[in-house]
Amino acid sequence: MSTTLSPTRASSTSSTSTGIPQTAAAGGLSFTQPPNTAAPSFYKIAPDNVITFGWNFTSLYSTPTHLTMSAVCSANGNTYPVGPTNGIIDGNARSVTWNPYDYNQIPGVTPLAEASYTLHVWDERGPNVGAQPGLFSPNAQMTFALYKPQSYTPIADGWSCTACSGALGLASNPLSLGLLATTVVMVVSGWHLLRNGFGGQRER
């Protein structure tokens, strides 16, 4: 007995040529270090001060071949590569370390400024591709700031306490110190006279 085969029912979800459902969400990443929901982090430009950015991928059906990471400065508009490999890292990476101080020591580079930055991340398709189902979408959600700590200056080399200068000047000037003491005595004496005067009126 022959059996008649019915046509295979088509899936209700259409797919792209790479097998990614058209209804899939656009892929991307979510930062875990520092947390994406935290206020902008401040990092020192100093020897051995390494910055680590960490992330998890979200909704990816296709892993990028590589990622490019760059920091865009809000003060001068310059773009700086992030990471030890000129800003290009493996597509499977989940973190990258960066030493801004070491970067500034490279001959010929534009030094990193003390300012806020936005971290830009994109895959091999470039920074301007639109969102596509299951594929990596460019990310520019991470902001941070760089600053340089003030160097130590010994007193012998000219360091001075600006907050203390007024008090030191007063102590070194006997005339000013005497005037201050006289003013205090006058205020206290006047207060006692007024107090005694009002007290005497109440007793009458």
N, C-alpha and C. Protein backbone atom coordinates (compact mmCIF):
# COMPACT_ATOMS: atom_id res chain seq x y z
N MET A 1 0.85 -1.18 0.00
CA MET A 1 0.00 0.00 0.00
C MET A 1 0.88 1.22 0.00
N SER A 2 0.58 2.11 -0.89
CA SER A 2 1.39 3.32 -0.97
C SER A 2 0.91 4.34 0.02
N THR A 3 1.84 5.16 0.45
CA THR A 3 1.52 6.21 1.42
C THR A 3 1.78 7.56 0.78
N THR A 4 0.83 8.47 0.90
CA THR A 4 0.99 9.81 0.35
C THR A 4 1.60 10.71 1.41
N LEU A 5 2.73 11.32 1.10
CA LEU A 5 3.40 12.21 2.04
C LEU A 5 2.88 13.62 1.87
N SER A 6 2.51 14.24 2.99
CA SER A 6 2.06 15.63 2.93
C SER A 6 3.26 16.55 2.89
N PRO A 7 3.13 17.73 2.29
CA PRO A 7 4.24 18.67 2.23
C PRO A 7 4.70 19.07 3.63
N THR A 8 6.00 19.26 3.78
CA THR A 8 6.53 19.68 5.07
C THR A 8 6.06 21.08 5.39
N ARG A 9 5.56 21.26 6.59
CA ARG A 9 5.04 22.57 6.99
C ARG A 9 6.20 23.54 7.20
N ALA A 10 6.13 24.69 6.57
CA ALA A 10 7.19 25.68 6.70
C ALA A 10 7.19 26.28 8.10
N SER A 11 8.40 26.58 8.58
CA SER A 11 8.51 27.19 9.91
C SER A 11 7.93 28.59 9.88
N SER A 12 7.28 28.96 10.98
CA SER A 12 6.69 30.30 11.07
C SER A 12 7.75 31.37 11.25
N THR A 13 8.99 30.96 11.55
CA THR A 13 10.09 31.90 11.73
C THR A 13 11.02 31.82 10.55
N SER A 14 11.05 32.89 9.76
CA SER A 14 11.95 32.89 8.62
C SER A 14 13.38 33.11 9.09
N SER A 15 14.36 32.72 8.30
CA SER A 15 15.76 32.80 8.69
C SER A 15 16.56 33.52 7.63
N THR A 16 17.69 34.05 8.04
CA THR A 16 18.62 34.66 7.10
C THR A 16 19.43 33.57 6.44
N SER A 17 20.31 33.97 5.53
CA SER A 17 21.14 32.99 4.83
C SER A 17 22.12 32.32 5.78
N THR A 18 22.40 32.93 6.93
CA THR A 18 23.32 32.33 7.89
C THR A 18 22.58 31.53 8.95
N GLY A 19 21.28 31.40 8.82
CA GLY A 19 20.51 30.61 9.77
C GLY A 19 20.07 31.38 11.00
N ILE A 20 20.18 32.69 11.01
CA ILE A 20 19.76 33.50 12.16
C ILE A 20 18.30 33.90 11.95
N PRO A 21 17.42 33.59 12.90
CA PRO A 21 16.01 33.98 12.75
C PRO A 21 15.86 35.49 12.60
N GLN A 22 15.01 35.90 11.69
CA GLN A 22 14.78 37.32 11.48
C GLN A 22 14.15 37.98 12.70
N THR A 23 13.50 37.19 13.54
CA THR A 23 12.87 37.75 14.73
C THR A 23 13.82 37.83 15.92
N ALA A 24 15.06 37.38 15.73
CA ALA A 24 16.02 37.42 16.84
C ALA A 24 16.39 38.86 17.18
N ALA A 25 16.70 39.07 18.44
CA ALA A 25 17.12 40.41 18.87
C ALA A 25 18.52 40.71 18.34
N ALA A 26 18.82 41.98 18.21
CA ALA A 26 20.17 42.37 17.80
C ALA A 26 21.16 41.99 18.90
N GLY A 27 22.33 41.53 18.51
CA GLY A 27 23.34 41.14 19.48
C GLY A 27 24.10 42.35 20.02
N GLY A 28 24.88 42.12 21.04
CA GLY A 28 25.66 43.21 21.62
C GLY A 28 26.43 42.73 22.82
N LEU A 29 26.74 43.66 23.72
CA LEU A 29 27.44 43.30 24.95
C LEU A 29 26.90 44.14 26.10
N SER A 30 27.10 43.61 27.30
CA SER A 30 26.73 44.30 28.53
C SER A 30 27.95 44.34 29.43
N PHE A 31 28.37 45.52 29.84
CA PHE A 31 29.59 45.65 30.63
C PHE A 31 29.38 45.13 32.05
N THR A 32 30.36 44.39 32.51
CA THR A 32 30.36 43.87 33.88
C THR A 32 31.44 44.52 34.74
N GLN A 33 32.43 45.12 34.11
CA GLN A 33 33.51 45.79 34.85
C GLN A 33 33.99 47.01 34.06
N PRO A 34 33.79 48.20 34.59
CA PRO A 34 32.92 48.50 35.73
C PRO A 34 31.46 48.28 35.35
N PRO A 35 30.56 48.12 36.33
CA PRO A 35 29.16 47.88 35.99
C PRO A 35 28.59 48.98 35.11
N ASN A 36 27.78 48.59 34.16
CA ASN A 36 27.24 49.55 33.20
C ASN A 36 26.29 50.54 33.85
N THR A 37 25.72 50.17 35.01
CA THR A 37 24.75 51.05 35.67
C THR A 37 25.41 52.02 36.65
N ALA A 38 26.71 51.86 36.86
CA ALA A 38 27.40 52.70 37.84
C ALA A 38 27.70 54.07 37.25
N ALA A 39 28.00 55.03 38.14
CA ALA A 39 28.43 56.35 37.68
C ALA A 39 29.78 56.21 36.99
N PRO A 40 30.14 57.18 36.14
CA PRO A 40 31.43 57.09 35.44
C PRO A 40 32.59 56.87 36.41
N SER A 41 33.48 55.95 36.07
CA SER A 41 34.64 55.63 36.91
C SER A 41 35.79 56.57 36.59
N PHE A 42 36.61 56.86 37.61
CA PHE A 42 37.77 57.72 37.44
C PHE A 42 39.03 56.86 37.58
N TYR A 43 39.95 57.01 36.62
CA TYR A 43 41.17 56.22 36.62
C TYR A 43 42.39 57.14 36.54
N LYS A 44 43.43 56.76 37.29
CA LYS A 44 44.67 57.54 37.28
C LYS A 44 45.53 57.19 36.07
N ILE A 45 46.14 58.21 35.49
CA ILE A 45 47.19 57.99 34.50
C ILE A 45 48.49 57.93 35.28
N ALA A 46 48.89 56.74 35.65
CA ALA A 46 50.05 56.56 36.52
C ALA A 46 50.71 55.22 36.21
N PRO A 47 52.01 55.09 36.50
CA PRO A 47 52.70 53.82 36.25
C PRO A 47 52.01 52.65 36.95
N ASP A 48 51.91 51.54 36.24
CA ASP A 48 51.35 50.29 36.78
C ASP A 48 49.88 50.40 37.16
N ASN A 49 49.20 51.45 36.73
CA ASN A 49 47.77 51.57 37.01
C ASN A 49 47.00 51.09 35.77
N VAL A 50 46.60 49.82 35.82
CA VAL A 50 45.97 49.17 34.67
C VAL A 50 44.45 49.23 34.80
N ILE A 51 43.78 49.54 33.71
CA ILE A 51 42.31 49.57 33.67
C ILE A 51 41.82 48.28 33.02
N THR A 52 40.79 47.68 33.60
CA THR A 52 40.19 46.48 33.03
C THR A 52 38.74 46.75 32.69
N PHE A 53 38.37 46.48 31.45
CA PHE A 53 36.97 46.51 31.03
C PHE A 53 36.53 45.07 30.78
N GLY A 54 35.40 44.69 31.37
CA GLY A 54 34.87 43.34 31.19
C GLY A 54 33.44 43.38 30.71
N TRP A 55 32.99 42.33 30.01
CA TRP A 55 31.64 42.33 29.45
C TRP A 55 31.15 40.91 29.20
N ASN A 56 29.85 40.80 29.01
CA ASN A 56 29.20 39.57 28.54
C ASN A 56 28.49 39.88 27.24
N PHE A 57 28.46 38.91 26.33
CA PHE A 57 27.73 39.09 25.09
C PHE A 57 26.25 38.81 25.31
N THR A 58 25.41 39.49 24.54
CA THR A 58 23.97 39.30 24.65
C THR A 58 23.38 39.03 23.27
N SER A 59 22.51 38.03 23.18
CA SER A 59 21.71 37.74 21.98
C SER A 59 22.54 37.51 20.72
N LEU A 60 23.75 36.98 20.87
CA LEU A 60 24.59 36.74 19.70
C LEU A 60 24.32 35.35 19.11
N TYR A 61 24.06 35.30 17.81
CA TYR A 61 23.98 34.04 17.09
C TYR A 61 25.27 33.78 16.33
N SER A 62 26.04 34.83 16.09
CA SER A 62 27.29 34.72 15.34
C SER A 62 28.37 35.49 16.08
N THR A 63 29.44 34.79 16.45
CA THR A 63 30.53 35.43 17.19
C THR A 63 31.37 36.29 16.26
N PRO A 64 31.69 37.51 16.67
CA PRO A 64 32.53 38.37 15.82
C PRO A 64 33.91 37.76 15.59
N THR A 65 34.51 38.08 14.46
CA THR A 65 35.88 37.66 14.20
C THR A 65 36.84 38.40 15.13
N HIS A 66 36.63 39.69 15.25
CA HIS A 66 37.41 40.49 16.19
C HIS A 66 36.59 41.71 16.60
N LEU A 67 37.01 42.34 17.68
CA LEU A 67 36.40 43.57 18.16
C LEU A 67 37.43 44.69 18.13
N THR A 68 36.96 45.89 17.87
CA THR A 68 37.80 47.07 17.94
C THR A 68 37.28 47.95 19.06
N MET A 69 38.21 48.39 19.93
CA MET A 69 37.83 49.22 21.07
C MET A 69 38.62 50.52 21.03
N SER A 70 37.92 51.63 21.17
CA SER A 70 38.59 52.93 21.16
C SER A 70 37.92 53.86 22.16
N ALA A 71 38.70 54.78 22.70
CA ALA A 71 38.20 55.77 23.65
C ALA A 71 38.17 57.13 22.96
N VAL A 72 37.01 57.77 22.96
CA VAL A 72 36.86 59.08 22.33
C VAL A 72 36.82 60.14 23.43
N CYS A 73 37.74 61.10 23.35
CA CYS A 73 37.88 62.13 24.37
C CYS A 73 36.85 63.23 24.17
N SER A 74 36.17 63.61 25.25
CA SER A 74 35.16 64.66 25.17
C SER A 74 35.78 66.05 25.06
N ALA A 75 37.05 66.19 25.50
CA ALA A 75 37.68 67.51 25.53
C ALA A 75 38.25 67.91 24.18
N ASN A 76 38.90 66.96 23.48
CA ASN A 76 39.57 67.32 22.23
C ASN A 76 39.07 66.54 21.02
N GLY A 77 38.16 65.58 21.24
CA GLY A 77 37.61 64.81 20.13
C GLY A 77 38.52 63.74 19.58
N ASN A 78 39.71 63.57 20.17
CA ASN A 78 40.65 62.56 19.68
C ASN A 78 40.16 61.16 20.03
N THR A 79 40.57 60.20 19.20
CA THR A 79 40.24 58.79 19.41
C THR A 79 41.51 58.02 19.73
N TYR A 80 41.46 57.21 20.80
CA TYR A 80 42.64 56.47 21.26
C TYR A 80 42.33 54.97 21.28
N PRO A 81 43.24 54.13 20.77
CA PRO A 81 43.01 52.69 20.84
C PRO A 81 43.09 52.19 22.28
N VAL A 82 42.24 51.26 22.62
CA VAL A 82 42.18 50.72 23.98
C VAL A 82 42.67 49.28 23.97
N GLY A 83 43.64 48.98 24.82
CA GLY A 83 44.16 47.62 24.90
C GLY A 83 45.59 47.52 24.43
N PRO A 84 46.22 46.39 24.69
CA PRO A 84 47.64 46.22 24.36
C PRO A 84 47.91 45.92 22.90
N THR A 85 46.86 45.68 22.10
CA THR A 85 47.05 45.29 20.70
C THR A 85 46.44 46.33 19.76
N ASN A 86 46.70 47.59 20.06
CA ASN A 86 46.25 48.71 19.23
C ASN A 86 44.74 48.73 19.04
N GLY A 87 44.03 48.30 20.08
CA GLY A 87 42.57 48.40 20.07
C GLY A 87 41.85 47.25 19.41
N ILE A 88 42.54 46.28 18.82
CA ILE A 88 41.89 45.15 18.15
C ILE A 88 42.10 43.90 18.98
N ILE A 89 40.99 43.26 19.38
CA ILE A 89 41.08 42.07 20.23
C ILE A 89 40.25 40.94 19.62
N ASP A 90 40.47 39.73 20.11
CA ASP A 90 39.78 38.56 19.60
C ASP A 90 38.27 38.67 19.85
N GLY A 91 37.49 38.16 18.91
CA GLY A 91 36.04 38.26 19.00
C GLY A 91 35.44 37.48 20.15
N ASN A 92 36.17 36.51 20.70
CA ASN A 92 35.68 35.73 21.84
C ASN A 92 36.07 36.33 23.18
N ALA A 93 36.85 37.40 23.18
CA ALA A 93 37.35 37.98 24.43
C ALA A 93 36.19 38.48 25.29
N ARG A 94 36.38 38.39 26.59
CA ARG A 94 35.38 38.88 27.54
C ARG A 94 35.93 40.03 28.39
N SER A 95 37.17 40.41 28.16
CA SER A 95 37.75 41.53 28.90
C SER A 95 38.97 42.04 28.15
N VAL A 96 39.39 43.24 28.53
CA VAL A 96 40.60 43.82 27.96
C VAL A 96 41.25 44.68 29.04
N THR A 97 42.57 44.66 29.09
CA THR A 97 43.31 45.51 30.03
C THR A 97 44.02 46.60 29.24
N TRP A 98 44.14 47.76 29.89
CA TRP A 98 44.70 48.94 29.21
C TRP A 98 45.49 49.75 30.21
N ASN A 99 46.67 50.19 29.80
CA ASN A 99 47.53 51.02 30.65
C ASN A 99 47.71 52.39 29.99
N PRO A 100 46.90 53.38 30.38
CA PRO A 100 47.00 54.71 29.76
C PRO A 100 48.38 55.34 29.91
N TYR A 101 49.04 55.09 31.06
CA TYR A 101 50.36 55.68 31.27
C TYR A 101 51.36 55.14 30.24
N ASP A 102 51.36 53.83 30.04
CA ASP A 102 52.27 53.23 29.05
C ASP A 102 51.96 53.75 27.65
N TYR A 103 50.67 53.94 27.37
CA TYR A 103 50.31 54.47 26.05
C TYR A 103 50.92 55.85 25.83
N ASN A 104 50.89 56.68 26.86
CA ASN A 104 51.43 58.04 26.72
C ASN A 104 52.94 58.05 26.52
N GLN A 105 53.61 56.94 26.83
CA GLN A 105 55.06 56.89 26.67
C GLN A 105 55.48 56.51 25.24
N ILE A 106 54.52 56.12 24.40
CA ILE A 106 54.84 55.71 23.03
C ILE A 106 55.23 56.95 22.22
N PRO A 107 56.38 56.95 21.59
CA PRO A 107 56.81 58.13 20.82
C PRO A 107 55.83 58.45 19.69
N GLY A 108 55.51 59.72 19.57
CA GLY A 108 54.69 60.18 18.46
C GLY A 108 53.19 60.16 18.67
N VAL A 109 52.71 59.56 19.77
CA VAL A 109 51.27 59.51 19.99
C VAL A 109 50.78 60.81 20.62
N THR A 110 49.51 61.11 20.42
CA THR A 110 48.88 62.24 21.10
C THR A 110 48.56 61.81 22.53
N PRO A 111 49.13 62.45 23.54
CA PRO A 111 48.91 61.99 24.92
C PRO A 111 47.44 62.04 25.32
N LEU A 112 47.05 61.11 26.15
CA LEU A 112 45.71 61.11 26.71
C LEU A 112 45.53 62.33 27.61
N ALA A 113 44.41 63.00 27.45
CA ALA A 113 44.14 64.20 28.23
C ALA A 113 43.40 63.84 29.52
N GLU A 114 43.46 64.75 30.49
CA GLU A 114 42.65 64.61 31.69
C GLU A 114 41.24 65.07 31.34
N ALA A 115 40.36 64.11 31.11
CA ALA A 115 39.01 64.43 30.63
C ALA A 115 38.15 63.19 30.74
N SER A 116 36.90 63.32 30.33
CA SER A 116 35.99 62.17 30.27
C SER A 116 36.06 61.55 28.87
N TYR A 117 35.77 60.24 28.82
CA TYR A 117 35.88 59.49 27.57
C TYR A 117 34.66 58.59 27.40
N THR A 118 34.36 58.28 26.14
CA THR A 118 33.34 57.29 25.82
C THR A 118 34.02 56.13 25.12
N LEU A 119 33.76 54.92 25.62
CA LEU A 119 34.37 53.72 25.04
C LEU A 119 33.48 53.22 23.90
N HIS A 120 34.06 53.11 22.71
CA HIS A 120 33.34 52.62 21.53
C HIS A 120 33.83 51.21 21.19
N VAL A 121 32.88 50.32 20.90
CA VAL A 121 33.21 48.93 20.57
C VAL A 121 32.43 48.53 19.33
N TRP A 122 33.12 47.92 18.34
CA TRP A 122 32.43 47.41 17.16
C TRP A 122 33.16 46.19 16.64
N ASP A 123 32.50 45.44 15.76
CA ASP A 123 33.12 44.24 15.21
C ASP A 123 33.73 44.54 13.85
N GLU A 124 34.10 43.47 13.13
CA GLU A 124 34.82 43.63 11.86
C GLU A 124 34.00 44.33 10.78
N ARG A 125 32.70 44.50 11.00
CA ARG A 125 31.86 45.16 10.00
C ARG A 125 31.91 46.68 10.11
N GLY A 126 32.56 47.20 11.14
CA GLY A 126 32.73 48.64 11.25
C GLY A 126 31.86 49.28 12.31
N PRO A 127 32.14 50.55 12.63
CA PRO A 127 31.43 51.24 13.72
C PRO A 127 30.06 51.79 13.35
N ASN A 128 29.70 51.76 12.07
CA ASN A 128 28.47 52.43 11.65
C ASN A 128 27.39 51.49 11.15
N VAL A 129 27.56 50.18 11.36
CA VAL A 129 26.54 49.25 10.89
C VAL A 129 25.29 49.37 11.76
N GLY A 130 24.15 49.13 11.15
CA GLY A 130 22.90 49.17 11.89
C GLY A 130 22.66 47.87 12.64
N ALA A 131 21.66 47.88 13.51
CA ALA A 131 21.31 46.69 14.29
C ALA A 131 20.74 45.62 13.37
N GLN A 132 21.24 44.38 13.53
CA GLN A 132 20.77 43.24 12.75
C GLN A 132 20.53 42.07 13.68
N PRO A 133 19.53 41.23 13.37
CA PRO A 133 19.21 40.10 14.25
C PRO A 133 20.43 39.20 14.50
N GLY A 134 20.73 38.99 15.77
CA GLY A 134 21.76 38.03 16.15
C GLY A 134 23.19 38.45 15.93
N LEU A 135 23.42 39.62 15.31
CA LEU A 135 24.78 40.07 15.04
C LEU A 135 25.17 41.20 15.99
N PHE A 136 26.46 41.37 16.16
CA PHE A 136 26.96 42.35 17.12
C PHE A 136 26.63 43.77 16.68
N SER A 137 26.08 44.55 17.61
CA SER A 137 25.77 45.95 17.35
C SER A 137 26.82 46.84 18.02
N PRO A 138 27.29 47.89 17.35
CA PRO A 138 28.25 48.80 17.96
C PRO A 138 27.73 49.33 19.29
N ASN A 139 28.66 49.50 20.23
CA ASN A 139 28.29 49.92 21.59
C ASN A 139 29.09 51.15 21.98
N ALA A 140 28.41 52.14 22.56
CA ALA A 140 29.08 53.36 23.05
C ALA A 140 28.42 53.81 24.34
N GLN A 141 28.17 52.85 25.24
CA GLN A 141 27.45 53.14 26.48
C GLN A 141 28.37 53.36 27.68
N MET A 142 29.63 52.98 27.57
CA MET A 142 30.54 53.09 28.71
C MET A 142 31.26 54.43 28.70
N THR A 143 31.17 55.16 29.81
CA THR A 143 31.91 56.41 29.96
C THR A 143 32.83 56.30 31.18
N PHE A 144 33.96 56.98 31.11
CA PHE A 144 34.92 56.99 32.22
C PHE A 144 35.75 58.26 32.11
N ALA A 145 36.57 58.50 33.12
CA ALA A 145 37.40 59.71 33.14
C ALA A 145 38.82 59.35 33.54
N LEU A 146 39.77 60.10 33.01
CA LEU A 146 41.18 59.93 33.33
C LEU A 146 41.71 61.20 33.99
N TYR A 147 42.59 61.02 34.96
CA TYR A 147 43.21 62.17 35.62
C TYR A 147 44.64 61.82 36.02
N LYS A 148 45.44 62.86 36.24
CA LYS A 148 46.82 62.68 36.67
C LYS A 148 46.96 63.12 38.12
N PRO A 149 47.46 62.26 39.00
CA PRO A 149 47.65 62.66 40.39
C PRO A 149 48.73 63.72 40.50
N GLN A 150 48.57 64.65 41.45
CA GLN A 150 49.57 65.69 41.64
C GLN A 150 50.84 65.09 42.23
N SER A 151 51.96 65.54 41.74
CA SER A 151 53.24 65.03 42.23
C SER A 151 53.57 65.63 43.59
N TYR A 152 54.36 64.89 44.38
CA TYR A 152 54.75 65.33 45.71
C TYR A 152 55.84 66.40 45.62
N THR A 153 55.66 67.49 46.36
CA THR A 153 56.64 68.58 46.40
C THR A 153 57.10 68.79 47.83
N PRO A 154 58.37 68.52 48.16
CA PRO A 154 58.86 68.73 49.52
C PRO A 154 58.79 70.21 49.91
N ILE A 155 58.70 70.48 51.22
CA ILE A 155 58.68 71.86 51.71
C ILE A 155 59.95 72.59 51.30
N ALA A 156 61.07 71.87 51.32
CA ALA A 156 62.35 72.49 50.96
C ALA A 156 62.37 72.96 49.51
N ASP A 157 61.50 72.36 48.67
CA ASP A 157 61.46 72.74 47.26
C ASP A 157 60.40 73.79 46.96
N GLY A 158 59.79 74.33 48.03
CA GLY A 158 58.86 75.42 47.80
C GLY A 158 57.41 75.11 48.06
N TRP A 159 57.08 73.93 48.64
CA TRP A 159 55.68 73.63 48.91
C TRP A 159 55.15 74.54 50.01
N SER A 160 53.93 74.99 49.87
CA SER A 160 53.30 75.82 50.90
C SER A 160 51.84 75.43 51.03
N CYS A 161 51.32 75.58 52.23
CA CYS A 161 49.92 75.27 52.50
C CYS A 161 49.11 76.54 52.29
N THR A 162 48.32 76.57 51.22
CA THR A 162 47.55 77.78 50.92
C THR A 162 46.49 78.03 51.98
N ALA A 163 45.95 76.97 52.56
CA ALA A 163 44.92 77.15 53.58
C ALA A 163 45.52 77.66 54.89
N CYS A 164 46.83 77.42 55.07
CA CYS A 164 47.47 77.83 56.31
C CYS A 164 48.13 79.20 56.20
N SER A 165 48.24 79.75 55.01
CA SER A 165 49.03 80.97 54.82
C SER A 165 48.46 82.14 55.60
N GLY A 166 47.13 82.23 55.71
CA GLY A 166 46.53 83.34 56.43
C GLY A 166 46.86 83.29 57.91
N ALA A 167 46.76 82.10 58.49
CA ALA A 167 47.05 81.95 59.92
C ALA A 167 48.52 82.19 60.20
N LEU A 168 49.40 81.71 59.30
CA LEU A 168 50.83 81.91 59.51
C LEU A 168 51.19 83.38 59.40
N GLY A 169 50.54 84.09 58.46
CA GLY A 169 50.82 85.51 58.31
C GLY A 169 50.38 86.30 59.52
N LEU A 170 49.26 85.91 60.12
CA LEU A 170 48.77 86.59 61.31
C LEU A 170 49.71 86.37 62.48
N ALA A 171 50.18 85.14 62.62
CA ALA A 171 51.06 84.82 63.75
C ALA A 171 52.40 85.52 63.62
N SER A 172 52.84 85.77 62.38
CA SER A 172 54.15 86.39 62.18
C SER A 172 54.08 87.91 62.24
N ASN A 173 52.88 88.48 62.40
CA ASN A 173 52.70 89.93 62.45
C ASN A 173 52.15 90.31 63.82
N PRO A 174 53.00 90.77 64.76
CA PRO A 174 52.54 91.09 66.12
C PRO A 174 51.47 92.17 66.14
N LEU A 175 51.54 93.15 65.23
CA LEU A 175 50.55 94.23 65.22
C LEU A 175 49.17 93.69 64.91
N SER A 176 49.08 92.81 63.91
CA SER A 176 47.78 92.22 63.55
C SER A 176 47.26 91.35 64.67
N LEU A 177 48.15 90.59 65.30
CA LEU A 177 47.75 89.72 66.39
C LEU A 177 47.24 90.53 67.57
N GLY A 178 47.91 91.67 67.88
CA GLY A 178 47.47 92.53 68.97
C GLY A 178 46.12 93.16 68.69
N LEU A 179 45.91 93.57 67.42
CA LEU A 179 44.63 94.16 67.04
C LEU A 179 43.50 93.16 67.19
N LEU A 180 43.76 91.91 66.81
CA LEU A 180 42.75 90.88 66.95
C LEU A 180 42.40 90.64 68.41
N ALA A 181 43.43 90.61 69.28
CA ALA A 181 43.19 90.38 70.71
C ALA A 181 42.39 91.52 71.31
N THR A 182 42.71 92.77 70.91
CA THR A 182 41.98 93.94 71.43
C THR A 182 40.52 93.89 71.02
N THR A 183 40.27 93.49 69.77
CA THR A 183 38.89 93.41 69.28
C THR A 183 38.09 92.38 70.07
N VAL A 184 38.71 91.24 70.35
CA VAL A 184 38.03 90.19 71.11
C VAL A 184 37.69 90.69 72.51
N VAL A 185 38.63 91.38 73.17
CA VAL A 185 38.39 91.89 74.52
C VAL A 185 37.26 92.91 74.52
N MET A 186 37.23 93.78 73.50
CA MET A 186 36.18 94.80 73.43
C MET A 186 34.80 94.16 73.25
N VAL A 187 34.73 93.14 72.40
CA VAL A 187 33.44 92.48 72.17
C VAL A 187 32.95 91.80 73.44
N VAL A 188 33.85 91.09 74.12
CA VAL A 188 33.46 90.38 75.34
C VAL A 188 33.05 91.37 76.43
N SER A 189 33.82 92.46 76.59
CA SER A 189 33.49 93.46 77.61
C SER A 189 32.16 94.13 77.32
N GLY A 190 31.92 94.46 76.06
CA GLY A 190 30.65 95.09 75.70
C GLY A 190 29.48 94.18 75.98
N TRP A 191 29.65 92.91 75.72
CA TRP A 191 28.57 91.95 75.98
C TRP A 191 28.24 91.90 77.47
N HIS A 192 29.28 91.90 78.31
CA HIS A 192 29.05 91.86 79.76
C HIS A 192 28.37 93.14 80.24
N LEU A 193 28.75 94.30 79.69
CA LEU A 193 28.12 95.56 80.09
C LEU A 193 26.64 95.57 79.73
N LEU A 194 26.33 95.14 78.52
CA LEU A 194 24.93 95.09 78.10
C LEU A 194 24.13 94.13 78.96
N ARG A 195 24.74 93.01 79.25
CA ARG A 195 24.05 92.00 80.06
C ARG A 195 23.76 92.52 81.46
N ASN A 196 24.78 93.18 82.07
CA ASN A 196 24.58 93.73 83.42
C ASN A 196 23.57 94.85 83.42
N GLY A 197 23.58 95.67 82.34
CA GLY A 197 22.64 96.78 82.27
C GLY A 197 21.21 96.29 82.21
N PHE A 198 20.93 95.33 81.36
CA PHE A 198 19.58 94.79 81.26
C PHE A 198 19.19 94.07 82.53
N GLY A 199 20.17 93.42 83.16
CA GLY A 199 19.87 92.72 84.41
C GLY A 199 19.48 93.70 85.49
N GLY A 200 20.20 94.87 85.55
CA GLY A 200 19.88 95.87 86.57
C GLY A 200 18.51 96.45 86.36
N GLN A 201 18.09 96.67 85.11
CA GLN A 201 16.76 97.22 84.84
C GLN A 201 15.68 96.26 85.29
N ARG A 202 15.90 94.96 85.11
CA ARG A 202 14.88 94.00 85.51
C ARG A 202 14.73 93.96 87.02
N GLU A 203 15.86 94.19 87.78
CA GLU A 203 15.79 94.13 89.23
C GLU A 203 14.99 95.29 89.81
N ARG A 204 14.97 96.45 89.12
CA ARG A 204 14.17 97.58 89.58
C ARG A 204 12.68 97.26 89.47
